[in-house]
Amino acid sequence: MQTISYKKLWKLLIDKDMLKKDLAQKAKISPTSIAKLSKNENVNTEILQKICNALDCDICDIMEMVESSSDAEGEN
């Protein structure tokens, strides 16, 4: 099974020399949304759109589908 990963978002923030709190302010999203993203939890697509607009990027620049770790362990 695949799951969403936001590692690309965190790498993009590093490249832009931004902190998570900077992103929250620029994208006008709550600290709760940032916390959900940090845990690779589901967020509203409106949140993702705000992030893309704030960072001037596409959705594929901030997220990707990855194999879940529990599936990888079960394949041994």
N, C-alpha and C. Protein backbone atom coordinates (compact mmCIF):
# COMPACT_ATOMS: atom_id res chain seq x y z
N MET A 1 0.83 -1.18 0.00
CA MET A 1 0.00 0.00 0.00
C MET A 1 0.88 1.25 0.00
N GLN A 2 0.41 2.27 -0.68
CA GLN A 2 1.18 3.51 -0.74
C GLN A 2 0.59 4.55 0.20
N THR A 3 1.43 5.45 0.63
CA THR A 3 1.02 6.53 1.51
C THR A 3 1.64 7.84 1.01
N ILE A 4 1.14 8.95 1.50
CA ILE A 4 1.63 10.27 1.10
C ILE A 4 2.84 10.64 1.94
N SER A 5 3.84 11.21 1.30
CA SER A 5 5.02 11.73 2.00
C SER A 5 5.19 13.19 1.62
N TYR A 6 5.49 14.02 2.59
CA TYR A 6 5.73 15.45 2.36
C TYR A 6 7.22 15.80 2.48
N LYS A 7 8.10 14.81 2.35
CA LYS A 7 9.53 15.07 2.43
C LYS A 7 9.97 16.12 1.40
N LYS A 8 9.35 16.08 0.23
CA LYS A 8 9.70 17.06 -0.81
C LYS A 8 9.41 18.48 -0.34
N LEU A 9 8.34 18.66 0.43
CA LEU A 9 8.00 19.98 0.97
C LEU A 9 9.10 20.46 1.91
N TRP A 10 9.56 19.60 2.80
CA TRP A 10 10.57 20.00 3.79
C TRP A 10 11.90 20.30 3.09
N LYS A 11 12.23 19.54 2.05
CA LYS A 11 13.45 19.82 1.28
C LYS A 11 13.33 21.16 0.57
N LEU A 12 12.14 21.44 0.04
CA LEU A 12 11.91 22.71 -0.65
C LEU A 12 12.05 23.88 0.32
N LEU A 13 11.56 23.72 1.52
CA LEU A 13 11.70 24.77 2.53
C LEU A 13 13.18 25.02 2.84
N ILE A 14 13.96 23.96 2.93
CA ILE A 14 15.40 24.11 3.17
C ILE A 14 16.04 24.87 2.02
N ASP A 15 15.68 24.49 0.79
CA ASP A 15 16.24 25.17 -0.39
C ASP A 15 15.88 26.65 -0.40
N LYS A 16 14.70 26.99 0.10
CA LYS A 16 14.25 28.38 0.10
C LYS A 16 14.63 29.10 1.40
N ASP A 17 15.38 28.41 2.26
CA ASP A 17 15.81 28.96 3.54
C ASP A 17 14.62 29.45 4.36
N MET A 18 13.60 28.60 4.44
CA MET A 18 12.38 28.93 5.19
C MET A 18 12.17 27.94 6.32
N LEU A 19 11.56 28.42 7.38
CA LEU A 19 11.16 27.57 8.49
C LEU A 19 9.68 27.21 8.33
N LYS A 20 9.24 26.21 9.07
CA LYS A 20 7.84 25.81 9.00
C LYS A 20 6.93 26.97 9.40
N LYS A 21 7.35 27.75 10.40
CA LYS A 21 6.52 28.88 10.82
C LYS A 21 6.46 29.95 9.72
N ASP A 22 7.54 30.08 8.94
CA ASP A 22 7.53 31.02 7.80
C ASP A 22 6.50 30.56 6.77
N LEU A 23 6.47 29.26 6.52
CA LEU A 23 5.51 28.71 5.56
C LEU A 23 4.09 28.96 6.05
N ALA A 24 3.85 28.71 7.32
CA ALA A 24 2.51 28.90 7.89
C ALA A 24 2.04 30.34 7.70
N GLN A 25 2.94 31.29 7.93
CA GLN A 25 2.59 32.70 7.78
C GLN A 25 2.37 33.06 6.32
N LYS A 26 3.27 32.65 5.45
CA LYS A 26 3.19 33.00 4.03
C LYS A 26 1.97 32.36 3.36
N ALA A 27 1.69 31.11 3.70
CA ALA A 27 0.57 30.39 3.08
C ALA A 27 -0.74 30.63 3.82
N LYS A 28 -0.66 31.30 4.97
CA LYS A 28 -1.84 31.57 5.80
C LYS A 28 -2.55 30.26 6.19
N ILE A 29 -1.74 29.33 6.73
CA ILE A 29 -2.28 28.07 7.23
C ILE A 29 -1.94 27.95 8.71
N SER A 30 -2.68 27.13 9.41
CA SER A 30 -2.53 27.02 10.86
C SER A 30 -1.34 26.14 11.26
N PRO A 31 -0.85 26.36 12.48
CA PRO A 31 0.19 25.46 13.00
C PRO A 31 -0.29 24.01 13.07
N THR A 32 -1.58 23.81 13.24
CA THR A 32 -2.15 22.46 13.25
C THR A 32 -1.95 21.78 11.90
N SER A 33 -2.15 22.54 10.83
CA SER A 33 -1.94 21.97 9.48
C SER A 33 -0.48 21.61 9.27
N ILE A 34 0.43 22.46 9.75
CA ILE A 34 1.86 22.17 9.65
C ILE A 34 2.19 20.89 10.42
N ALA A 35 1.60 20.73 11.59
CA ALA A 35 1.83 19.53 12.40
C ALA A 35 1.34 18.28 11.67
N LYS A 36 0.17 18.37 11.03
CA LYS A 36 -0.35 17.23 10.27
C LYS A 36 0.58 16.88 9.12
N LEU A 37 1.06 17.90 8.42
CA LEU A 37 1.99 17.66 7.31
C LEU A 37 3.27 17.00 7.82
N SER A 38 3.74 17.43 8.98
CA SER A 38 4.97 16.88 9.56
C SER A 38 4.83 15.39 9.86
N LYS A 39 3.59 14.97 10.15
CA LYS A 39 3.32 13.57 10.47
C LYS A 39 2.81 12.79 9.26
N ASN A 40 2.87 13.41 8.08
CA ASN A 40 2.36 12.79 6.84
C ASN A 40 0.90 12.40 6.97
N GLU A 41 0.14 13.20 7.70
CA GLU A 41 -1.29 12.95 7.85
C GLU A 41 -2.07 13.66 6.75
N ASN A 42 -3.34 13.30 6.61
CA ASN A 42 -4.19 13.92 5.59
C ASN A 42 -4.48 15.37 5.92
N VAL A 43 -4.42 16.21 4.89
CA VAL A 43 -4.82 17.60 5.01
C VAL A 43 -5.75 17.93 3.84
N ASN A 44 -6.52 18.95 4.00
CA ASN A 44 -7.45 19.40 2.98
C ASN A 44 -6.68 19.85 1.74
N THR A 45 -7.24 19.62 0.58
CA THR A 45 -6.56 20.05 -0.65
C THR A 45 -6.43 21.57 -0.71
N GLU A 46 -7.29 22.29 -0.03
CA GLU A 46 -7.17 23.75 0.03
C GLU A 46 -5.85 24.15 0.69
N ILE A 47 -5.44 23.40 1.70
CA ILE A 47 -4.16 23.65 2.39
C ILE A 47 -3.02 23.45 1.40
N LEU A 48 -3.07 22.36 0.65
CA LEU A 48 -2.01 22.08 -0.32
C LEU A 48 -1.96 23.16 -1.40
N GLN A 49 -3.11 23.64 -1.82
CA GLN A 49 -3.17 24.70 -2.81
C GLN A 49 -2.55 25.99 -2.27
N LYS A 50 -2.83 26.31 -1.02
CA LYS A 50 -2.25 27.51 -0.41
C LYS A 50 -0.73 27.41 -0.34
N ILE A 51 -0.24 26.22 -0.02
CA ILE A 51 1.21 26.00 0.05
C ILE A 51 1.84 26.17 -1.33
N CYS A 52 1.23 25.56 -2.32
CA CYS A 52 1.76 25.68 -3.69
C CYS A 52 1.76 27.13 -4.17
N ASN A 53 0.69 27.85 -3.87
CA ASN A 53 0.64 29.26 -4.25
C ASN A 53 1.71 30.08 -3.53
N ALA A 54 1.90 29.82 -2.24
CA ALA A 54 2.88 30.56 -1.45
C ALA A 54 4.31 30.28 -1.91
N LEU A 55 4.57 29.05 -2.30
CA LEU A 55 5.93 28.66 -2.71
C LEU A 55 6.13 28.71 -4.22
N ASP A 56 5.08 29.07 -4.95
CA ASP A 56 5.12 29.15 -6.41
C ASP A 56 5.64 27.83 -6.99
N CYS A 57 4.94 26.75 -6.62
CA CYS A 57 5.36 25.43 -7.08
C CYS A 57 4.13 24.61 -7.44
N ASP A 58 4.36 23.40 -7.94
CA ASP A 58 3.29 22.48 -8.30
C ASP A 58 3.13 21.45 -7.19
N ILE A 59 1.99 20.80 -7.16
CA ILE A 59 1.70 19.81 -6.12
C ILE A 59 2.75 18.70 -6.05
N CYS A 60 3.27 18.31 -7.21
CA CYS A 60 4.27 17.24 -7.23
C CYS A 60 5.61 17.69 -6.65
N ASP A 61 5.78 19.00 -6.42
CA ASP A 61 7.00 19.51 -5.81
C ASP A 61 6.98 19.42 -4.29
N ILE A 62 5.80 19.15 -3.71
CA ILE A 62 5.70 19.12 -2.25
C ILE A 62 5.27 17.78 -1.68
N MET A 63 4.79 16.87 -2.53
CA MET A 63 4.35 15.58 -2.00
C MET A 63 4.58 14.47 -3.02
N GLU A 64 4.59 13.24 -2.53
CA GLU A 64 4.75 12.08 -3.40
C GLU A 64 4.14 10.86 -2.72
N MET A 65 3.87 9.86 -3.52
CA MET A 65 3.37 8.59 -3.01
C MET A 65 4.56 7.67 -2.78
N VAL A 66 4.62 7.07 -1.60
CA VAL A 66 5.70 6.15 -1.26
C VAL A 66 5.11 4.87 -0.67
N GLU A 67 5.86 3.81 -0.75
CA GLU A 67 5.43 2.56 -0.13
C GLU A 67 5.42 2.74 1.38
N SER A 68 4.36 2.29 2.02
CA SER A 68 4.29 2.41 3.48
C SER A 68 5.28 1.44 4.11
N SER A 69 5.84 1.83 5.25
CA SER A 69 6.87 1.02 5.90
C SER A 69 6.31 -0.32 6.37
N SER A 70 5.05 -0.39 6.75
CA SER A 70 4.48 -1.65 7.20
C SER A 70 4.40 -2.66 6.06
N ASP A 71 4.14 -2.17 4.82
CA ASP A 71 4.13 -3.07 3.67
C ASP A 71 5.52 -3.60 3.37
N ALA A 72 6.51 -2.73 3.47
CA ALA A 72 7.88 -3.13 3.18
C ALA A 72 8.34 -4.23 4.15
N GLU A 73 7.92 -4.11 5.42
CA GLU A 73 8.29 -5.11 6.41
C GLU A 73 7.60 -6.44 6.14
N GLY A 74 6.37 -6.39 5.62
CA GLY A 74 5.60 -7.60 5.38
C GLY A 74 6.05 -8.39 4.16
N GLU A 75 6.92 -7.82 3.34
CA GLU A 75 7.35 -8.49 2.11
C GLU A 75 8.56 -9.39 2.30
N ASN A 76 9.08 -9.47 3.51
CA ASN A 76 10.28 -10.28 3.76
C ASN A 76 9.98 -11.74 3.71
